[in-house]
Amino acid sequence: MHVLEVQSLQKSYRSSGKVVEAVRDVSFSISAQEVLAFLGPNGAGKTTTIKMIAGLIVPDRGSVDIAGRDPHRNSRALRSLGAVLEGNRNIYWRLTPEENLEYFGVLRGLSGRVARQRARGLLDRFELSHKRKTTVQTLSRGMQQKLAIAVALIHEPQLLLLDEPTLGLDVEATQTVKQLVREIAQEGRAILLTTHQLDLAEELSDRVAIINKGKIVAQENTADLIRQFSGMVYQIELEEEINRSFLEVLGRERVANLQSLGAILDGDRIYVRETELLYQALEILNPLAIARIEKDQANLTDIFLKFIREEHHA
């Protein structure tokens, strides 16, 4: 079942007497336990789309469905939504973590008793109990971000919007937040992740949707997308550099056999295409010491830039 379903969203604005199409026929969905990375350059239409999902902007056309409800026609739909905004904008800095959780819990429709109970549980889970009486503005950036996620979860929403969840965090805090995101998804929530940190999107997402100039230009399972753009070239790195003495040890016949496979010899590396040819090359190289073998692998940054540049030149 889809927790979020976006169908044919469109939104236009007037600017300097001209009509600007901010979002053009955008459609996607997210299921429970799924993380969708919603990616695009600045001005691509991400923020406008997210505001329509959150009920903050009314679309010109199209629909949004959150757990079976339209946020533009039924405000109860927003009870199934939690959001973590860039810069921790969903928490009050002059309140304590405990006060933030209880306040937002009641604001989201919980009774005071249930809000306090859930606040204690979230403080324990996010390892913030020892800071529960400390004002937020004195907490570390990592603690603030953990609290922001806890606040978004206080009413146990089915859909979580995450905007730049690790921006500005140190390595340890980043790893903590990434682990929390994985756990939250595994608990059955759908997560819409927006970030310019494409390595984060690659690591956390199940699927990717790339938006540019207001329209979706790619939407695919993350692993499948990377596989499609990855090559079939294998790099064999030897412990000894390929020089004249090396070639003498290897022998002219074996060098010729490698070259007949289409292998390229360069420095301490040998490049071959296709898995079958890799194994043939390894047989020829036996018993030479091999440091490592790598396959040419695309990453989400390369793929993202390819789509954006193609659209730019289209």
Protein backbone atom coordinates (compact mmCIF):
# COMPACT_ATOMS: atom_id res chain seq x y z
CA MET A 1 0.00 0.00 0.00
CA HIS A 2 1.25 3.48 -0.86
CA VAL A 3 1.53 5.83 2.11
CA LEU A 4 2.05 8.80 -0.22
CA GLU A 5 0.64 9.07 -3.72
CA VAL A 6 1.26 12.16 -5.84
CA GLN A 7 -0.62 12.33 -9.13
CA SER A 8 -0.01 14.81 -11.97
CA LEU A 9 0.80 17.81 -9.77
CA GLN A 10 1.03 21.16 -11.55
CA LYS A 11 1.72 24.64 -10.21
CA SER A 12 2.37 27.89 -12.06
CA TYR A 13 3.22 31.40 -10.89
CA ARG A 14 3.22 34.82 -12.51
CA SER A 15 6.58 36.57 -12.48
CA SER A 16 7.29 39.86 -14.28
CA GLY A 17 4.19 39.40 -16.38
CA LYS A 18 5.17 35.87 -17.44
CA VAL A 19 3.78 32.50 -16.39
CA VAL A 20 6.41 30.28 -14.76
CA GLU A 21 5.63 26.56 -14.56
CA ALA A 22 7.21 25.57 -11.25
CA VAL A 23 5.86 22.00 -11.25
CA ARG A 24 4.77 20.15 -14.38
CA ASP A 25 2.83 16.89 -14.20
CA VAL A 26 4.79 15.43 -11.26
CA SER A 27 3.77 11.94 -10.13
CA PHE A 28 5.37 9.49 -7.69
CA SER A 29 4.47 7.31 -4.74
CA ILE A 30 6.14 5.94 -1.61
CA SER A 31 5.24 2.72 0.20
CA ALA A 32 5.69 1.79 3.84
CA GLN A 33 9.33 0.94 4.75
CA GLU A 34 10.56 2.80 1.66
CA VAL A 35 12.91 5.78 1.34
CA LEU A 36 12.48 7.87 -1.81
CA ALA A 37 15.26 10.38 -2.54
CA PHE A 38 13.64 13.39 -4.23
CA LEU A 39 16.53 15.14 -5.96
CA GLY A 40 17.00 18.19 -8.13
CA PRO A 41 19.03 21.38 -8.56
CA ASN A 42 17.96 24.66 -6.95
CA GLY A 43 14.84 26.01 -8.60
CA ALA A 44 13.85 22.62 -10.03
CA GLY A 45 10.48 22.48 -8.26
CA LYS A 46 11.34 20.35 -5.20
CA THR A 47 10.23 22.87 -2.57
CA THR A 48 6.98 23.71 -4.38
CA THR A 49 6.18 19.99 -4.68
CA ILE A 50 6.90 19.37 -1.00
CA LYS A 51 4.76 22.34 0.05
CA MET A 52 1.87 20.91 -1.99
CA ILE A 53 2.35 17.54 -0.28
CA ALA A 54 2.34 19.25 3.13
CA GLY A 55 -0.85 21.15 2.32
CA LEU A 56 0.88 24.54 2.34
CA ILE A 57 0.30 25.31 -1.36
CA VAL A 58 -2.80 24.37 -3.35
CA PRO A 59 -1.91 22.72 -6.68
CA ASP A 60 -3.39 24.07 -9.90
CA ARG A 61 -4.01 20.48 -10.95
CA GLY A 62 -3.34 17.00 -9.65
CA SER A 63 -3.76 15.36 -6.27
CA VAL A 64 -1.94 14.34 -3.11
CA ASP A 65 -2.97 11.35 -1.04
CA ILE A 66 -1.42 10.71 2.39
CA ALA A 67 -2.53 7.45 3.98
CA GLY A 68 -5.84 7.63 2.12
CA ARG A 69 -6.55 11.33 2.71
CA ASP A 70 -6.11 14.50 0.66
CA PRO A 71 -4.36 17.17 2.79
CA HIS A 72 -6.07 19.90 0.75
CA ARG A 73 -9.56 18.60 1.54
CA ASN A 74 -9.08 16.83 4.85
CA SER A 75 -6.77 18.36 7.46
CA ARG A 76 -6.63 15.00 9.28
CA ALA A 77 -4.28 13.85 6.51
CA LEU A 78 -1.58 16.02 8.10
CA ARG A 79 -1.72 13.89 11.25
CA SER A 80 -0.06 11.17 9.16
CA LEU A 81 2.77 13.54 8.24
CA GLY A 82 5.96 14.44 10.12
CA ALA A 83 8.65 16.80 8.85
CA VAL A 84 12.28 17.57 9.65
CA LEU A 85 13.25 20.85 7.99
CA GLU A 86 16.73 22.09 7.18
CA GLY A 87 18.20 24.07 10.06
CA ASN A 88 16.02 22.39 12.72
CA ARG A 89 13.15 24.73 12.00
CA ASN A 90 10.64 22.35 13.57
CA ILE A 91 11.92 22.85 17.15
CA TYR A 92 11.95 25.79 19.54
CA TRP A 93 15.46 26.66 20.69
CA ARG A 94 14.45 28.31 23.98
CA LEU A 95 12.57 25.23 25.15
CA THR A 96 14.10 22.02 26.46
CA PRO A 97 13.93 18.73 24.50
CA GLU A 98 11.25 17.50 26.90
CA GLU A 99 9.20 20.67 26.48
CA ASN A 100 9.51 20.54 22.69
CA LEU A 101 8.29 16.97 22.51
CA GLU A 102 5.36 17.51 24.86
CA TYR A 103 4.34 20.77 23.17
CA PHE A 104 4.37 19.36 19.65
CA GLY A 105 2.72 16.16 20.84
CA VAL A 106 -0.28 18.09 22.19
CA LEU A 107 -0.27 20.32 19.10
CA ARG A 108 -0.57 17.16 17.00
CA GLY A 109 -3.65 16.04 18.92
CA LEU A 110 -2.18 13.90 21.71
CA SER A 111 -3.37 14.19 25.28
CA GLY A 112 -0.91 15.64 27.78
CA ARG A 113 -0.42 12.22 29.38
CA VAL A 114 0.28 10.44 26.09
CA ALA A 115 2.57 13.27 24.94
CA ARG A 116 4.65 13.00 28.14
CA GLN A 117 4.80 9.21 27.85
CA ARG A 118 5.96 9.29 24.24
CA ALA A 119 8.41 12.11 24.98
CA ARG A 120 10.13 9.97 27.63
CA GLY A 121 10.33 7.04 25.23
CA LEU A 122 11.79 9.13 22.40
CA LEU A 123 14.31 10.83 24.70
CA ASP A 124 15.52 7.39 25.79
CA ARG A 125 15.63 6.03 22.26
CA PHE A 126 17.53 9.04 20.88
CA GLU A 127 19.89 9.11 23.87
CA LEU A 128 18.76 12.57 24.95
CA SER A 129 17.37 11.79 28.41
CA HIS A 130 20.38 13.32 30.12
CA LYS A 131 19.70 16.57 28.24
CA ARG A 132 15.93 16.61 28.67
CA LYS A 133 16.02 19.75 30.91
CA THR A 134 18.66 21.59 28.85
CA THR A 135 17.60 24.38 26.48
CA VAL A 136 17.90 23.36 22.84
CA GLN A 137 20.11 26.31 21.89
CA THR A 138 22.90 24.95 24.12
CA LEU A 139 22.85 21.45 22.60
CA SER A 140 25.30 20.25 19.97
CA ARG A 141 24.22 20.33 16.32
CA GLY A 142 23.93 16.55 16.31
CA MET A 143 21.69 16.51 19.39
CA GLN A 144 19.49 19.21 17.89
CA GLN A 145 19.05 17.15 14.76
CA LYS A 146 18.16 14.03 16.74
CA LEU A 147 15.60 16.06 18.66
CA ALA A 148 14.16 17.44 15.41
CA ILE A 149 13.60 13.87 14.18
CA ALA A 150 12.11 12.86 17.54
CA VAL A 151 9.68 15.81 17.39
CA ALA A 152 8.62 14.75 13.89
CA LEU A 153 7.85 11.26 15.24
CA ILE A 154 5.98 12.25 18.42
CA HIS A 155 2.55 11.65 16.84
CA GLU A 156 3.74 8.46 15.10
CA PRO A 157 3.19 9.60 11.49
CA GLN A 158 3.13 7.20 8.56
CA LEU A 159 5.00 9.62 6.28
CA LEU A 160 8.19 11.50 7.20
CA LEU A 161 9.63 14.38 5.15
CA LEU A 162 13.38 14.76 5.70
CA ASP A 163 15.07 17.87 4.33
CA GLU A 164 18.91 17.81 4.50
CA PRO A 165 18.94 15.64 7.66
CA THR A 166 22.76 15.52 8.00
CA LEU A 167 23.70 19.00 6.79
CA GLY A 168 26.44 20.50 8.97
CA LEU A 169 26.86 17.41 11.15
CA ASP A 170 30.21 15.86 12.03
CA VAL A 171 31.04 12.31 10.99
CA GLU A 172 29.80 10.64 14.18
CA ALA A 173 26.51 12.58 14.26
CA THR A 174 25.97 11.86 10.56
CA GLN A 175 26.34 8.12 11.13
CA THR A 176 23.88 8.30 14.03
CA VAL A 177 21.26 10.12 11.97
CA LYS A 178 21.68 7.70 9.04
CA GLN A 179 21.12 4.75 11.35
CA LEU A 180 18.00 6.40 12.77
CA VAL A 181 16.62 6.96 9.27
CA ARG A 182 17.12 3.28 8.44
CA GLU A 183 15.39 2.21 11.67
CA ILE A 184 12.46 4.58 11.14
CA ALA A 185 11.88 3.17 7.65
CA GLN A 186 12.13 -0.42 8.88
CA GLU A 187 9.42 0.34 11.44
CA GLY A 188 6.97 0.78 8.57
CA ARG A 189 7.14 4.48 7.75
CA ALA A 190 7.51 5.99 4.29
CA ILE A 191 10.29 8.58 4.00
CA LEU A 192 10.65 11.35 1.43
CA LEU A 193 14.29 12.49 1.55
CA THR A 194 15.49 15.71 -0.06
CA THR A 195 19.20 16.48 -0.03
CA HIS A 196 22.06 17.89 -2.10
CA GLN A 197 24.36 15.30 -0.50
CA LEU A 198 24.02 12.68 -3.21
CA ASP A 199 26.25 10.15 -1.45
CA LEU A 200 23.73 10.23 1.43
CA ALA A 201 20.83 9.73 -0.99
CA GLU A 202 22.64 6.81 -2.62
CA GLU A 203 23.28 5.15 0.73
CA LEU A 204 19.81 5.58 2.26
CA SER A 205 17.31 5.49 -0.60
CA ASP A 206 15.40 2.57 -2.07
CA ARG A 207 14.26 4.64 -5.03
CA VAL A 208 15.24 7.93 -6.65
CA ALA A 209 13.13 10.58 -8.36
CA ILE A 210 15.05 13.40 -10.10
CA ILE A 211 13.18 16.61 -10.88
CA ASN A 212 14.44 19.35 -13.20
CA LYS A 213 12.66 22.38 -14.64
CA GLY A 214 9.51 21.30 -12.85
CA LYS A 215 9.21 17.77 -14.25
CA ILE A 216 10.43 14.32 -13.27
CA VAL A 217 13.29 13.32 -15.57
CA ALA A 218 14.16 10.01 -13.89
CA GLN A 219 12.44 7.70 -11.44
CA GLU A 220 13.95 4.31 -10.68
CA ASN A 221 15.04 1.86 -8.04
CA THR A 222 18.37 3.23 -6.76
CA ALA A 223 20.37 0.04 -7.23
CA ASP A 224 18.89 -0.56 -10.69
CA LEU A 225 19.62 3.02 -11.77
CA ILE A 226 23.27 2.73 -10.70
CA ARG A 227 23.55 -0.65 -12.39
CA GLN A 228 22.22 0.77 -15.66
CA PHE A 229 24.90 3.46 -15.72
CA SER A 230 27.76 1.28 -14.50
CA GLY A 231 30.20 -0.04 -17.06
CA MET A 232 31.55 -3.55 -17.60
CA VAL A 233 35.24 -2.67 -17.30
CA TYR A 234 37.28 -4.48 -14.63
CA GLN A 235 40.49 -3.05 -13.23
CA ILE A 236 43.10 -5.52 -12.00
CA GLU A 237 45.68 -3.84 -9.79
CA LEU A 238 48.94 -5.74 -9.43
CA GLU A 239 51.40 -5.46 -6.55
CA GLU A 240 54.23 -4.99 -9.05
CA GLU A 241 54.31 -2.26 -11.68
CA ILE A 242 54.22 -3.37 -15.30
CA ASN A 243 57.74 -2.63 -16.61
CA ARG A 244 60.31 -4.39 -18.77
CA SER A 245 61.37 -6.86 -16.07
CA PHE A 246 57.74 -7.58 -15.31
CA LEU A 247 57.04 -8.35 -18.95
CA GLU A 248 60.05 -10.64 -19.04
CA VAL A 249 58.71 -12.55 -16.03
CA LEU A 250 55.21 -12.72 -17.51
CA GLY A 251 56.54 -13.79 -20.88
CA ARG A 252 55.77 -12.55 -24.37
CA GLU A 253 53.24 -15.28 -25.02
CA ARG A 254 51.16 -14.42 -21.96
CA VAL A 255 51.37 -10.70 -22.75
CA ALA A 256 50.11 -11.48 -26.25
CA ASN A 257 47.29 -13.60 -24.77
CA LEU A 258 46.27 -10.71 -22.53
CA GLN A 259 46.26 -8.30 -25.44
CA SER A 260 44.20 -10.74 -27.51
CA LEU A 261 41.49 -10.36 -24.84
CA GLY A 262 41.49 -6.64 -25.47
CA ALA A 263 43.25 -5.98 -22.16
CA ILE A 264 45.00 -2.64 -21.64
CA LEU A 265 48.23 -2.63 -19.60
CA ASP A 266 48.90 0.65 -17.81
CA GLY A 267 51.29 1.16 -14.87
CA ASP A 268 50.39 -1.43 -12.25
CA ARG A 269 46.90 -1.91 -13.67
CA ILE A 270 45.30 -4.09 -16.31
CA TYR A 271 41.87 -3.26 -17.72
CA VAL A 272 39.55 -5.85 -19.26
CA ARG A 273 35.92 -5.81 -20.40
CA GLU A 274 33.26 -8.30 -19.30
CA THR A 275 33.26 -10.89 -16.53
CA GLU A 276 34.22 -13.81 -18.78
CA LEU A 277 37.33 -12.00 -20.01
CA LEU A 278 38.25 -11.11 -16.43
CA TYR A 279 38.55 -14.77 -15.45
CA GLN A 280 40.57 -15.54 -18.56
CA ALA A 281 42.95 -12.67 -17.71
CA LEU A 282 43.32 -13.94 -14.14
CA GLU A 283 44.29 -17.39 -15.44
CA ILE A 284 46.97 -15.80 -17.62
CA LEU A 285 48.29 -13.70 -14.71
CA ASN A 286 48.46 -16.62 -12.27
CA PRO A 287 50.57 -16.75 -10.00
CA LEU A 288 51.37 -13.00 -10.00
CA ALA A 289 50.35 -11.12 -6.86
CA ILE A 290 47.14 -9.11 -7.27
CA ALA A 291 46.45 -6.18 -4.93
CA ARG A 292 42.76 -5.78 -5.80
CA ILE A 293 40.09 -6.05 -8.49
CA GLU A 294 37.49 -3.33 -9.05
CA LYS A 295 34.54 -2.98 -11.40
CA ASP A 296 33.79 0.35 -13.02
CA GLN A 297 30.88 1.58 -10.89
CA ALA A 298 28.74 4.65 -11.46
CA ASN A 299 27.52 6.70 -8.50
CA LEU A 300 24.41 8.76 -7.97
CA THR A 301 26.32 12.03 -8.38
CA ASP A 302 27.45 11.07 -11.90
CA ILE A 303 23.93 9.93 -12.84
CA PHE A 304 22.29 13.05 -11.40
CA LEU A 305 24.63 15.36 -13.32
CA LYS A 306 24.05 13.40 -16.53
CA PHE A 307 20.27 13.89 -16.34
CA ILE A 308 20.52 17.55 -15.37
CA ARG A 309 22.99 18.34 -18.17
CA GLU A 310 20.92 16.47 -20.74
CA GLU A 311 17.87 18.52 -19.77
CA HIS A 312 19.93 21.72 -19.87
CA HIS A 313 21.01 21.07 -23.45
CA ALA A 314 17.65 19.69 -24.58
